[in-house]
Amino acid sequence: MPNPICHFELMTADPQKCRAFYGAVFDWTFDDESMPGYTLVQTGADPPGGIMQKPADVPGVCLNTYFRVDDIGTVLDKAKANGAKLLVEKTPIPGVGHLALFADPEGVVIGIMQEEAT
């Protein structure tokens, strides 16, 4: 299976300001109800995205990109064996699947997402 980009996420210090900016610039629509504390972004085409408050321990605002994978555990094992640093363990997303984040050997943050089995 190919590993297409399946989600993007703007991690920002001011989610409301971020939302106002991208709504005005790109006419994106937003859903704050489906996942409390997280804003889902519809751009009008795939992939969908999200906006979230930057956690205090994250050094700066960023854009995270998630790639779809068949097996998060296998991909994380390969990433670590090739020099990646695990940032977020396999984490369930109710009704969606699982996600994880790692930094490649140069520090680029990569997200992976495994869809929930249907």
PDB file of N, CA and C in Angstrom:
ATOM      1  N   MET A   1       0.841  -1.185   0.000  1.00  0.00           N
ATOM      2  CA  MET A   1       0.000   0.000   0.000  1.00  0.00           C
ATOM      3  C   MET A   1       0.880   1.241   0.000  1.00  0.00           C
ATOM      4  N   PRO A   2       0.552   2.219  -0.805  1.00  0.00           N
ATOM      5  CA  PRO A   2       1.285   3.484  -0.732  1.00  0.00           C
ATOM      6  C   PRO A   2       0.976   4.190   0.586  1.00  0.00           C
ATOM      7  N   ASN A   3       1.789   5.139   0.927  1.00  0.00           N
ATOM      8  CA  ASN A   3       1.608   5.883   2.177  1.00  0.00           C
ATOM      9  C   ASN A   3       1.311   7.341   1.879  1.00  0.00           C
ATOM     10  N   PRO A   4       0.074   7.644   1.445  1.00  0.00           N
ATOM     11  CA  PRO A   4      -0.271   9.016   1.088  1.00  0.00           C
ATOM     12  C   PRO A   4      -0.405   9.909   2.317  1.00  0.00           C
ATOM     13  N   ILE A   5      -0.263  11.193   2.102  1.00  0.00           N
ATOM     14  CA  ILE A   5      -0.565  12.150   3.168  1.00  0.00           C
ATOM     15  C   ILE A   5      -2.059  12.033   3.430  1.00  0.00           C
ATOM     16  N   CYS A   6      -2.424  11.834   4.705  1.00  0.00           N
ATOM     17  CA  CYS A   6      -3.828  11.628   5.039  1.00  0.00           C
ATOM     18  C   CYS A   6      -4.377  12.688   5.983  1.00  0.00           C
ATOM     19  N   HIS A   7      -3.516  13.536   6.542  1.00  0.00           N
ATOM     20  CA  HIS A   7      -3.981  14.548   7.500  1.00  0.00           C
ATOM     21  C   HIS A   7      -2.864  15.561   7.707  1.00  0.00           C
ATOM     22  N   PHE A   8      -3.238  16.807   7.962  1.00  0.00           N
ATOM     23  CA  PHE A   8      -2.255  17.808   8.380  1.00  0.00           C
ATOM     24  C   PHE A   8      -2.788  18.459   9.647  1.00  0.00           C
ATOM     25  N   GLU A   9      -1.874  19.064  10.406  1.00  0.00           N
ATOM     26  CA  GLU A   9      -2.258  19.628  11.694  1.00  0.00           C
ATOM     27  C   GLU A   9      -1.429  20.879  11.970  1.00  0.00           C
ATOM     28  N   LEU A  10      -2.103  21.966  12.190  1.00  0.00           N
ATOM     29  CA  LEU A  10      -1.441  23.204  12.587  1.00  0.00           C
ATOM     30  C   LEU A  10      -1.420  23.247  14.107  1.00  0.00           C
ATOM     31  N   MET A  11      -0.226  23.179  14.696  1.00  0.00           N
ATOM     32  CA  MET A  11      -0.058  23.267  16.141  1.00  0.00           C
ATOM     33  C   MET A  11       0.392  24.692  16.425  1.00  0.00           C
ATOM     34  N   THR A  12      -0.471  25.459  17.079  1.00  0.00           N
ATOM     35  CA  THR A  12      -0.263  26.891  17.167  1.00  0.00           C
ATOM     36  C   THR A  12      -0.445  27.429  18.583  1.00  0.00           C
ATOM     37  N   ALA A  13       0.141  28.588  18.847  1.00  0.00           N
ATOM     38  CA  ALA A  13      -0.001  29.238  20.146  1.00  0.00           C
ATOM     39  C   ALA A  13      -1.374  29.883  20.301  1.00  0.00           C
ATOM     40  N   ASP A  14      -2.059  30.166  19.194  1.00  0.00           N
ATOM     41  CA  ASP A  14      -3.366  30.826  19.238  1.00  0.00           C
ATOM     42  C   ASP A  14      -4.305  30.210  18.191  1.00  0.00           C
ATOM     43  N   PRO A  15      -4.978  29.096  18.558  1.00  0.00           N
ATOM     44  CA  PRO A  15      -5.841  28.419  17.585  1.00  0.00           C
ATOM     45  C   PRO A  15      -6.924  29.316  16.980  1.00  0.00           C
ATOM     46  N   GLN A  16      -7.496  30.211  17.735  1.00  0.00           N
ATOM     47  CA  GLN A  16      -8.547  31.090  17.195  1.00  0.00           C
ATOM     48  C   GLN A  16      -7.985  32.030  16.129  1.00  0.00           C
ATOM     49  N   LYS A  17      -6.818  32.573  16.395  1.00  0.00           N
ATOM     50  CA  LYS A  17      -6.168  33.454  15.418  1.00  0.00           C
ATOM     51  C   LYS A  17      -5.803  32.668  14.154  1.00  0.00           C
ATOM     52  N   CYS A  18      -5.299  31.448  14.341  1.00  0.00           N
ATOM     53  CA  CYS A  18      -4.943  30.569  13.217  1.00  0.00           C
ATOM     54  C   CYS A  18      -6.188  30.280  12.381  1.00  0.00           C
ATOM     55  N   ARG A  19      -7.259  29.928  13.051  1.00  0.00           N
ATOM     56  CA  ARG A  19      -8.520  29.626  12.379  1.00  0.00           C
ATOM     57  C   ARG A  19      -9.018  30.832  11.583  1.00  0.00           C
ATOM     58  N   ALA A  20      -8.977  32.009  12.187  1.00  0.00           N
ATOM     59  CA  ALA A  20      -9.424  33.230  11.503  1.00  0.00           C
ATOM     60  C   ALA A  20      -8.569  33.508  10.264  1.00  0.00           C
ATOM     61  N   PHE A  21      -7.264  33.334  10.391  1.00  0.00           N
ATOM     62  CA  PHE A  21      -6.363  33.578   9.271  1.00  0.00           C
ATOM     63  C   PHE A  21      -6.659  32.651   8.102  1.00  0.00           C
ATOM     64  N   TYR A  22      -6.646  31.327   8.353  1.00  0.00           N
ATOM     65  CA  TYR A  22      -6.831  30.379   7.255  1.00  0.00           C
ATOM     66  C   TYR A  22      -8.262  30.385   6.720  1.00  0.00           C
ATOM     67  N   GLY A  23      -9.211  30.709   7.557  1.00  0.00           N
ATOM     68  CA  GLY A  23     -10.581  30.855   7.072  1.00  0.00           C
ATOM     69  C   GLY A  23     -10.704  32.015   6.105  1.00  0.00           C
ATOM     70  N   ALA A  24     -10.032  33.127   6.437  1.00  0.00           N
ATOM     71  CA  ALA A  24     -10.084  34.312   5.576  1.00  0.00           C
ATOM     72  C   ALA A  24      -9.274  34.132   4.294  1.00  0.00           C
ATOM     73  N   VAL A  25      -8.112  33.491   4.408  1.00  0.00           N
ATOM     74  CA  VAL A  25      -7.229  33.350   3.252  1.00  0.00           C
ATOM     75  C   VAL A  25      -7.700  32.254   2.297  1.00  0.00           C
ATOM     76  N   PHE A  26      -8.107  31.102   2.833  1.00  0.00           N
ATOM     77  CA  PHE A  26      -8.421  29.942   1.992  1.00  0.00           C
ATOM     78  C   PHE A  26      -9.897  29.536   2.005  1.00  0.00           C
ATOM     79  N   ASP A  27     -10.739  30.241   2.761  1.00  0.00           N
ATOM     80  CA  ASP A  27     -12.158  29.887   2.879  1.00  0.00           C
ATOM     81  C   ASP A  27     -12.373  28.488   3.446  1.00  0.00           C
ATOM     82  N   TRP A  28     -11.475  28.037   4.318  1.00  0.00           N
ATOM     83  CA  TRP A  28     -11.640  26.744   4.961  1.00  0.00           C
ATOM     84  C   TRP A  28     -12.827  26.798   5.907  1.00  0.00           C
ATOM     85  N   THR A  29     -13.447  25.637   6.165  1.00  0.00           N
ATOM     86  CA  THR A  29     -14.509  25.544   7.166  1.00  0.00           C
ATOM     87  C   THR A  29     -13.984  24.720   8.335  1.00  0.00           C
ATOM     88  N   PHE A  30     -14.616  24.902   9.502  1.00  0.00           N
ATOM     89  CA  PHE A  30     -14.092  24.333  10.736  1.00  0.00           C
ATOM     90  C   PHE A  30     -15.185  23.642  11.536  1.00  0.00           C
ATOM     91  N   ASP A  31     -14.805  22.589  12.233  1.00  0.00           N
ATOM     92  CA  ASP A  31     -15.708  21.827  13.096  1.00  0.00           C
ATOM     93  C   ASP A  31     -15.055  21.712  14.470  1.00  0.00           C
ATOM     94  N   ASP A  32     -15.639  22.402  15.445  1.00  0.00           N
ATOM     95  CA  ASP A  32     -15.127  22.364  16.814  1.00  0.00           C
ATOM     96  C   ASP A  32     -15.889  21.371  17.689  1.00  0.00           C
ATOM     97  N   GLU A  33     -16.928  20.762  17.150  1.00  0.00           N
ATOM     98  CA  GLU A  33     -17.808  19.913  17.947  1.00  0.00           C
ATOM     99  C   GLU A  33     -17.402  18.442  17.960  1.00  0.00           C
ATOM    100  N   SER A  34     -16.897  17.926  16.867  1.00  0.00           N
ATOM    101  CA  SER A  34     -16.641  16.487  16.745  1.00  0.00           C
ATOM    102  C   SER A  34     -15.564  15.975  17.692  1.00  0.00           C
ATOM    103  N   MET A  35     -14.546  16.778  17.946  1.00  0.00           N
ATOM    104  CA  MET A  35     -13.438  16.378  18.816  1.00  0.00           C
ATOM    105  C   MET A  35     -13.126  17.538  19.765  1.00  0.00           C
ATOM    106  N   PRO A  36     -13.753  17.573  20.943  1.00  0.00           N
ATOM    107  CA  PRO A  36     -13.527  18.689  21.874  1.00  0.00           C
ATOM    108  C   PRO A  36     -12.036  18.948  22.109  1.00  0.00           C
ATOM    109  N   GLY A  37     -11.662  20.213  22.030  1.00  0.00           N
ATOM    110  CA  GLY A  37     -10.264  20.608  22.215  1.00  0.00           C
ATOM    111  C   GLY A  37      -9.442  20.551  20.940  1.00  0.00           C
ATOM    112  N   TYR A  38     -10.085  20.178  19.845  1.00  0.00           N
ATOM    113  CA  TYR A  38      -9.395  20.038  18.560  1.00  0.00           C
ATOM    114  C   TYR A  38     -10.341  20.552  17.485  1.00  0.00           C
ATOM    115  N   THR A  39      -9.832  21.348  16.570  1.00  0.00           N
ATOM    116  CA  THR A  39     -10.646  21.875  15.481  1.00  0.00           C
ATOM    117  C   THR A  39     -10.344  21.088  14.211  1.00  0.00           C
ATOM    118  N   LEU A  40     -11.359  20.452  13.659  1.00  0.00           N
ATOM    119  CA  LEU A  40     -11.194  19.769  12.373  1.00  0.00           C
ATOM    120  C   LEU A  40     -11.313  20.796  11.263  1.00  0.00           C
ATOM    121  N   VAL A  41     -10.480  20.649  10.244  1.00  0.00           N
ATOM    122  CA  VAL A  41     -10.420  21.592   9.127  1.00  0.00           C
ATOM    123  C   VAL A  41     -10.834  20.874   7.850  1.00  0.00           C
ATOM    124  N   GLN A  42     -11.757  21.472   7.123  1.00  0.00           N
ATOM    125  CA  GLN A  42     -12.123  20.990   5.798  1.00  0.00           C
ATOM    126  C   GLN A  42     -11.652  22.032   4.789  1.00  0.00           C
ATOM    127  N   THR A  43     -10.771  21.608   3.911  1.00  0.00           N
ATOM    128  CA  THR A  43     -10.194  22.523   2.930  1.00  0.00           C
ATOM    129  C   THR A  43     -10.961  22.540   1.619  1.00  0.00           C
ATOM    130  N   GLY A  44     -11.886  21.600   1.464  1.00  0.00           N
ATOM    131  CA  GLY A  44     -12.606  21.468   0.208  1.00  0.00           C
ATOM    132  C   GLY A  44     -12.073  20.321  -0.633  1.00  0.00           C
ATOM    133  N   ALA A  45     -10.981  19.695  -0.192  1.00  0.00           N
ATOM    134  CA  ALA A  45     -10.386  18.535  -0.864  1.00  0.00           C
ATOM    135  C   ALA A  45      -9.597  17.750   0.176  1.00  0.00           C
ATOM    136  N   ASP A  46      -9.234  16.538  -0.166  1.00  0.00           N
ATOM    137  CA  ASP A  46      -8.414  15.742   0.749  1.00  0.00           C
ATOM    138  C   ASP A  46      -6.974  16.202   0.687  1.00  0.00           C
ATOM    139  N   PRO A  47      -6.217  16.095   1.736  1.00  0.00           N
ATOM    140  CA  PRO A  47      -6.600  15.518   3.011  1.00  0.00           C
ATOM    141  C   PRO A  47      -7.221  16.569   3.933  1.00  0.00           C
ATOM    142  N   PRO A  48      -8.020  16.112   4.902  1.00  0.00           N
ATOM    143  CA  PRO A  48      -8.533  17.038   5.903  1.00  0.00           C
ATOM    144  C   PRO A  48      -7.416  17.412   6.879  1.00  0.00           C
ATOM    145  N   GLY A  49      -7.701  18.360   7.745  1.00  0.00           N
ATOM    146  CA  GLY A  49      -6.686  18.799   8.683  1.00  0.00           C
ATOM    147  C   GLY A  49      -7.242  19.101  10.052  1.00  0.00           C
ATOM    148  N   GLY A  50      -6.401  19.697  10.872  1.00  0.00           N
ATOM    149  CA  GLY A  50      -6.784  20.059  12.221  1.00  0.00           C
ATOM    150  C   GLY A  50      -5.966  21.227  12.724  1.00  0.00           C
ATOM    151  N   ILE A  51      -6.511  21.874  13.747  1.00  0.00           N
ATOM    152  CA  ILE A  51      -5.821  22.965  14.442  1.00  0.00           C
ATOM    153  C   ILE A  51      -5.870  22.630  15.927  1.00  0.00           C
ATOM    154  N   MET A  52      -4.731  22.750  16.582  1.00  0.00           N
ATOM    155  CA  MET A  52      -4.702  22.482  18.020  1.00  0.00           C
ATOM    156  C   MET A  52      -3.771  23.446  18.742  1.00  0.00           C
ATOM    157  N   GLN A  53      -4.014  23.599  20.038  1.00  0.00           N
ATOM    158  CA  GLN A  53      -3.162  24.401  20.911  1.00  0.00           C
ATOM    159  C   GLN A  53      -1.809  23.715  21.033  1.00  0.00           C
ATOM    160  N   LYS A  54      -0.742  24.453  20.853  1.00  0.00           N
ATOM    161  CA  LYS A  54       0.612  23.925  21.012  1.00  0.00           C
ATOM    162  C   LYS A  54       0.838  23.582  22.483  1.00  0.00           C
ATOM    163  N   PRO A  55       1.202  22.336  22.798  1.00  0.00           N
ATOM    164  CA  PRO A  55       1.531  21.996  24.180  1.00  0.00           C
ATOM    165  C   PRO A  55       2.721  22.820  24.677  1.00  0.00           C
ATOM    166  N   ALA A  56       2.752  23.103  25.957  1.00  0.00           N
ATOM    167  CA  ALA A  56       3.800  23.951  26.540  1.00  0.00           C
ATOM    168  C   ALA A  56       5.205  23.406  26.295  1.00  0.00           C
ATOM    169  N   ASP A  57       5.354  22.082  26.243  1.00  0.00           N
ATOM    170  CA  ASP A  57       6.694  21.514  26.089  1.00  0.00           C
ATOM    171  C   ASP A  57       7.165  21.425  24.637  1.00  0.00           C
ATOM    172  N   VAL A  58       6.317  21.811  23.697  1.00  0.00           N
ATOM    173  CA  VAL A  58       6.718  21.845  22.290  1.00  0.00           C
ATOM    174  C   VAL A  58       7.413  23.179  22.046  1.00  0.00           C
ATOM    175  N   PRO A  59       8.634  23.163  21.490  1.00  0.00           N
ATOM    176  CA  PRO A  59       9.422  24.394  21.408  1.00  0.00           C
ATOM    177  C   PRO A  59       8.882  25.483  20.488  1.00  0.00           C
ATOM    178  N   GLY A  60       8.106  25.135  19.488  1.00  0.00           N
ATOM    179  CA  GLY A  60       7.608  26.169  18.585  1.00  0.00           C
ATOM    180  C   GLY A  60       6.353  25.718  17.864  1.00  0.00           C
ATOM    181  N   VAL A  61       5.703  26.660  17.215  1.00  0.00           N
ATOM    182  CA  VAL A  61       4.533  26.322  16.413  1.00  0.00           C
ATOM    183  C   VAL A  61       5.001  25.512  15.208  1.00  0.00           C
ATOM    184  N   CYS A  62       4.109  24.679  14.670  1.00  0.00           N
ATOM    185  CA  CYS A  62       4.548  23.836  13.563  1.00  0.00           C
ATOM    186  C   CYS A  62       3.369  23.332  12.749  1.00  0.00           C
ATOM    187  N   LEU A  63       3.690  22.766  11.616  1.00  0.00           N
ATOM    188  CA  LEU A  63       2.736  22.084  10.765  1.00  0.00           C
ATOM    189  C   LEU A  63       3.141  20.615  10.749  1.00  0.00           C
ATOM    190  N   ASN A  64       2.287  19.750  11.281  1.00  0.00           N
ATOM    191  CA  ASN A  64       2.545  18.315  11.277  1.00  0.00           C
ATOM    192  C   ASN A  64       1.867  17.692  10.066  1.00  0.00           C
ATOM    193  N   THR A  65       2.554  16.762   9.438  1.00  0.00           N
ATOM    194  CA  THR A  65       2.015  16.027   8.313  1.00  0.00           C
ATOM    195  C   THR A  65       1.936  14.557   8.697  1.00  0.00           C
ATOM    196  N   TYR A  66       0.788  13.947   8.416  1.00  0.00           N
ATOM    197  CA  TYR A  66       0.569  12.537   8.751  1.00  0.00           C
ATOM    198  C   TYR A  66       0.463  11.710   7.481  1.00  0.00           C
ATOM    199  N   PHE A  67       1.140  10.562   7.478  1.00  0.00           N
ATOM    200  CA  PHE A  67       1.086   9.627   6.369  1.00  0.00           C
ATOM    201  C   PHE A  67       0.292   8.401   6.806  1.00  0.00           C
ATOM    202  N   ARG A  68      -0.557   7.890   5.934  1.00  0.00           N
ATOM    203  CA  ARG A  68      -1.345   6.695   6.226  1.00  0.00           C
ATOM    204  C   ARG A  68      -0.444   5.467   6.125  1.00  0.00           C
ATOM    205  N   VAL A  69      -0.546   4.583   7.123  1.00  0.00           N
ATOM    206  CA  VAL A  69       0.213   3.332   7.136  1.00  0.00           C
ATOM    207  C   VAL A  69      -0.724   2.175   7.481  1.00  0.00           C
ATOM    208  N   ASP A  70      -0.323   0.973   7.112  1.00  0.00           N
ATOM    209  CA  ASP A  70      -1.119  -0.209   7.436  1.00  0.00           C
ATOM    210  C   ASP A  70      -0.886  -0.691   8.864  1.00  0.00           C
ATOM    211  N   ASP A  71       0.340  -0.497   9.387  1.00  0.00           N
ATOM    212  CA  ASP A  71       0.696  -1.032  10.704  1.00  0.00           C
ATOM    213  C   ASP A  71       1.655  -0.067  11.398  1.00  0.00           C
ATOM    214  N   ILE A  72       1.131   0.699  12.327  1.00  0.00           N
ATOM    215  CA  ILE A  72       1.955   1.703  13.030  1.00  0.00           C
ATOM    216  C   ILE A  72       3.149   1.054  13.720  1.00  0.00           C
ATOM    217  N   GLY A  73       2.942  -0.075  14.382  1.00  0.00           N
ATOM    218  CA  GLY A  73       4.039  -0.723  15.100  1.00  0.00           C
ATOM    219  C   GLY A  73       5.212  -1.065  14.199  1.00  0.00           C
ATOM    220  N   THR A  74       4.923  -1.624  13.042  1.00  0.00           N
ATOM    221  CA  THR A  74       5.976  -1.980  12.097  1.00  0.00           C
ATOM    222  C   THR A  74       6.715  -0.747  11.607  1.00  0.00           C
ATOM    223  N   VAL A  75       5.977   0.306  11.272  1.00  0.00           N
ATOM    224  CA  VAL A  75       6.615   1.535  10.773  1.00  0.00           C
ATOM    225  C   VAL A  75       7.449   2.188  11.870  1.00  0.00           C
ATOM    226  N   LEU A  76       6.942   2.219  13.100  1.00  0.00           N
ATOM    227  CA  LEU A  76       7.726   2.803  14.200  1.00  0.00           C
ATOM    228  C   LEU A  76       9.011   2.004  14.437  1.00  0.00           C
ATOM    229  N   ASP A  77       8.925   0.682  14.379  1.00  0.00           N
ATOM    230  CA  ASP A  77      10.127  -0.148  14.538  1.00  0.00           C
ATOM    231  C   ASP A  77      11.160   0.177  13.458  1.00  0.00           C
ATOM    232  N   LYS A  78      10.711   0.287  12.211  1.00  0.00           N
ATOM    233  CA  LYS A  78      11.623   0.626  11.109  1.00  0.00           C
ATOM    234  C   LYS A  78      12.223   2.017  11.302  1.00  0.00           C
ATOM    235  N   ALA A  79      11.378   2.970  11.703  1.00  0.00           N
ATOM    236  CA  ALA A  79      11.866   4.340  11.896  1.00  0.00           C
ATOM    237  C   ALA A  79      12.936   4.379  12.984  1.00  0.00           C
ATOM    238  N   LYS A  80      12.671   3.743  14.130  1.00  0.00           N
ATOM    239  CA  LYS A  80      13.641   3.731  15.231  1.00  0.00           C
ATOM    240  C   LYS A  80      14.919   3.014  14.825  1.00  0.00           C
ATOM    241  N   ALA A  81      14.803   1.914  14.091  1.00  0.00           N
ATOM    242  CA  ALA A  81      15.986   1.169  13.644  1.00  0.00           C
ATOM    243  C   ALA A  81      16.849   1.988  12.692  1.00  0.00           C
ATOM    244  N   ASN A  82      16.246   3.005  12.077  1.00  0.00           N
ATOM    245  CA  ASN A  82      16.975   3.850  11.131  1.00  0.00           C
ATOM    246  C   ASN A  82      17.280   5.229  11.683  1.00  0.00           C
ATOM    247  N   GLY A  83      17.228   5.381  13.006  1.00  0.00           N
ATOM    248  CA  GLY A  83      17.683   6.610  13.638  1.00  0.00           C
ATOM    249  C   GLY A  83      16.625   7.598  14.058  1.00  0.00           C
ATOM    250  N   ALA A  84      15.331   7.242  13.968  1.00  0.00           N
ATOM    251  CA  ALA A  84      14.273   8.172  14.383  1.00  0.00           C
ATOM    252  C   ALA A  84      14.154   8.206  15.902  1.00  0.00           C
ATOM    253  N   LYS A  85      13.641   9.323  16.392  1.00  0.00           N
ATOM    254  CA  LYS A  85      13.347   9.480  17.814  1.00  0.00           C
ATOM    255  C   LYS A  85      11.830   9.492  17.972  1.00  0.00           C
ATOM    256  N   LEU A  86      11.304   8.579  18.789  1.00  0.00           N
ATOM    257  CA  LEU A  86       9.866   8.507  19.023  1.00  0.00           C
ATOM    258  C   LEU A  86       9.423   9.715  19.845  1.00  0.00           C
ATOM    259  N   LEU A  87       8.416  10.423  19.366  1.00  0.00           N
ATOM    260  CA  LEU A  87       7.903  11.609  20.061  1.00  0.00           C
ATOM    261  C   LEU A  87       6.556  11.340  20.723  1.00  0.00           C
ATOM    262  N   VAL A  88       5.670  10.639  20.014  1.00  0.00           N
ATOM    263  CA  VAL A  88       4.352  10.280  20.550  1.00  0.00           C
ATOM    264  C   VAL A  88       4.118   8.812  20.236  1.00  0.00           C
ATOM    265  N   GLU A  89       3.962   8.007  21.280  1.00  0.00           N
ATOM    266  CA  GLU A  89       3.670   6.585  21.122  1.00  0.00           C
ATOM    267  C   GLU A  89       2.364   6.395  20.354  1.00  0.00           C
ATOM    268  N   LYS A  90       2.108   5.186  19.908  1.00  0.00           N
ATOM    269  CA  LYS A  90       0.843   4.834  19.273  1.00  0.00           C
ATOM    270  C   LYS A  90      -0.291   5.270  20.193  1.00  0.00           C
ATOM    271  N   THR A  91      -1.144   6.144  19.683  1.00  0.00           N
ATOM    272  CA  THR A  91      -2.206   6.763  20.474  1.00  0.00           C
ATOM    273  C   THR A  91      -3.546   6.561  19.773  1.00  0.00           C
ATOM    274  N   PRO A  92      -4.550   6.035  20.505  1.00  0.00           N
ATOM    275  CA  PRO A  92      -5.854   5.841  19.868  1.00  0.00           C
ATOM    276  C   PRO A  92      -6.580   7.162  19.629  1.00  0.00           C
ATOM    277  N   ILE A  93      -7.296   7.217  18.513  1.00  0.00           N
ATOM    278  CA  ILE A  93      -8.206   8.326  18.201  1.00  0.00           C
ATOM    279  C   ILE A  93      -9.571   7.669  18.007  1.00  0.00           C
ATOM    280  N   PRO A  94     -10.469   7.816  18.977  1.00  0.00           N
ATOM    281  CA  PRO A  94     -11.756   7.128  18.902  1.00  0.00           C
ATOM    282  C   PRO A  94     -12.488   7.393  17.581  1.00  0.00           C
ATOM    283  N   GLY A  95     -12.929   6.320  16.957  1.00  0.00           N
ATOM    284  CA  GLY A  95     -13.673   6.409  15.709  1.00  0.00           C
ATOM    285  C   GLY A  95     -12.828   6.678  14.480  1.00  0.00           C
ATOM    286  N   VAL A  96     -11.517   6.834  14.665  1.00  0.00           N
ATOM    287  CA  VAL A  96     -10.624   7.145  13.538  1.00  0.00           C
ATOM    288  C   VAL A  96      -9.570   6.064  13.364  1.00  0.00           C
ATOM    289  N   GLY A  97      -8.832   5.763  14.422  1.00  0.00           N
ATOM    290  CA  GLY A  97      -7.737   4.801  14.351  1.00  0.00           C
ATOM    291  C   GLY A  97      -6.671   5.116  15.377  1.00  0.00           C
ATOM    292  N   HIS A  98      -5.414   5.163  14.944  1.00  0.00           N
ATOM    293  CA  HIS A  98      -4.286   5.464  15.827  1.00  0.00           C
ATOM    294  C   HIS A  98      -3.321   6.405  15.124  1.00  0.00           C
ATOM    295  N   LEU A  99      -2.576   7.167  15.931  1.00  0.00           N
ATOM    296  CA  LEU A  99      -1.523   8.017  15.394  1.00  0.00           C
ATOM    297  C   LEU A  99      -0.269   7.840  16.215  1.00  0.00           C
ATOM    298  N   ALA A 100       0.841   8.258  15.658  1.00  0.00           N
ATOM    299  CA  ALA A 100       2.130   8.317  16.348  1.00  0.00           C
ATOM    300  C   ALA A 100       2.957   9.387  15.652  1.00  0.00           C
ATOM    301  N   LEU A 101       3.935   9.925  16.367  1.00  0.00           N
ATOM    302  CA  LEU A 101       4.838  10.933  15.806  1.00  0.00           C
ATOM    303  C   LEU A 101       6.273  10.554  16.131  1.00  0.00           C
ATOM    304  N   PHE A 102       7.156  10.782  15.170  1.00  0.00           N
ATOM    305  CA  PHE A 102       8.581  10.597  15.412  1.00  0.00           C
ATOM    306  C   PHE A 102       9.349  11.699  14.695  1.00  0.00           C
ATOM    307  N   ALA A 103      10.598  11.885  15.095  1.00  0.00           N
ATOM    308  CA  ALA A 103      11.494  12.826  14.413  1.00  0.00           C
ATOM    309  C   ALA A 103      12.508  12.003  13.640  1.00  0.00           C
ATOM    310  N   ASP A 104      12.715  12.370  12.379  1.00  0.00           N
ATOM    311  CA  ASP A 104      13.708  11.657  11.578  1.00  0.00           C
ATOM    312  C   ASP A 104      15.112  12.018  12.088  1.00  0.00           C
ATOM    313  N   PRO A 105      16.178  11.419  11.559  1.00  0.00           N
ATOM    314  CA  PRO A 105      17.520  11.692  12.077  1.00  0.00           C
ATOM    315  C   PRO A 105      17.942  13.165  12.045  1.00  0.00           C
ATOM    316  N   GLU A 106      17.299  13.969  11.202  1.00  0.00           N
ATOM    317  CA  GLU A 106      17.628  15.393  11.171  1.00  0.00           C
ATOM    318  C   GLU A 106      16.683  16.230  12.019  1.00  0.00           C
ATOM    319  N   GLY A 107      15.686  15.608  12.642  1.00  0.00           N
ATOM    320  CA  GLY A 107      14.758  16.318  13.516  1.00  0.00           C
ATOM    321  C   GLY A 107      13.438  16.705  12.885  1.00  0.00           C
ATOM    322  N   VAL A 108      13.212  16.312  11.625  1.00  0.00           N
ATOM    323  CA  VAL A 108      11.934  16.609  10.973  1.00  0.00           C
ATOM    324  C   VAL A 108      10.861  15.718  11.598  1.00  0.00           C
ATOM    325  N   VAL A 109       9.771  16.342  12.058  1.00  0.00           N
ATOM    326  CA  VAL A 109       8.689  15.596  12.696  1.00  0.00           C
ATOM    327  C   VAL A 109       7.779  15.011  11.621  1.00  0.00           C
ATOM    328  N   ILE A 110       7.493  13.718  11.778  1.00  0.00           N
ATOM    329  CA  ILE A 110       6.642  12.978  10.849  1.00  0.00           C
ATOM    330  C   ILE A 110       5.540  12.307  11.655  1.00  0.00           C
ATOM    331  N   GLY A 111       4.318  12.427  11.176  1.00  0.00           N
ATOM    332  CA  GLY A 111       3.197  11.733  11.799  1.00  0.00           C
ATOM    333  C   GLY A 111       2.783  10.556  10.940  1.00  0.00           C
ATOM    334  N   ILE A 112       2.323   9.492  11.597  1.00  0.00           N
ATOM    335  CA  ILE A 112       1.765   8.360  10.874  1.00  0.00           C
ATOM    336  C   ILE A 112       0.403   8.048  11.482  1.00  0.00           C
ATOM    337  N   MET A 113      -0.491   7.558  10.639  1.00  0.00           N
ATOM    338  CA  MET A 113      -1.849   7.294  11.068  1.00  0.00           C
ATOM    339  C   MET A 113      -2.299   5.956  10.492  1.00  0.00           C
ATOM    340  N   GLN A 114      -2.838   5.117  11.364  1.00  0.00           N
ATOM    341  CA  GLN A 114      -3.405   3.831  10.949  1.00  0.00           C
ATOM    342  C   GLN A 114      -4.907   3.917  11.143  1.00  0.00           C
ATOM    343  N   GLU A 115      -5.663   3.680  10.079  1.00  0.00           N
ATOM    344  CA  GLU A 115      -7.114   3.764  10.171  1.00  0.00           C
ATOM    345  C   GLU A 115      -7.662   2.622  10.996  1.00  0.00           C
ATOM    346  N   GLU A 116      -8.792   2.892  11.664  1.00  0.00           N
ATOM    347  CA  GLU A 116      -9.485   1.883  12.437  1.00  0.00           C
ATOM    348  C   GLU A 116      -9.974   0.775  11.511  1.00  0.00           C
ATOM    349  N   ALA A 117      -9.822  -0.460  11.936  1.00  0.00           N
ATOM    350  CA  ALA A 117     -10.302  -1.574  11.128  1.00  0.00           C
ATOM    351  C   ALA A 117     -11.821  -1.519  11.020  1.00  0.00           C
ATOM    352  N   THR A 118     -12.310  -1.771   9.821  1.00  0.00           N
ATOM    353  CA  THR A 118     -13.769  -1.727   9.622  1.00  0.00           C
ATOM    354  C   THR A 118     -14.354  -3.109   9.505  1.00  0.00           C
TER     355      THR A 118
END
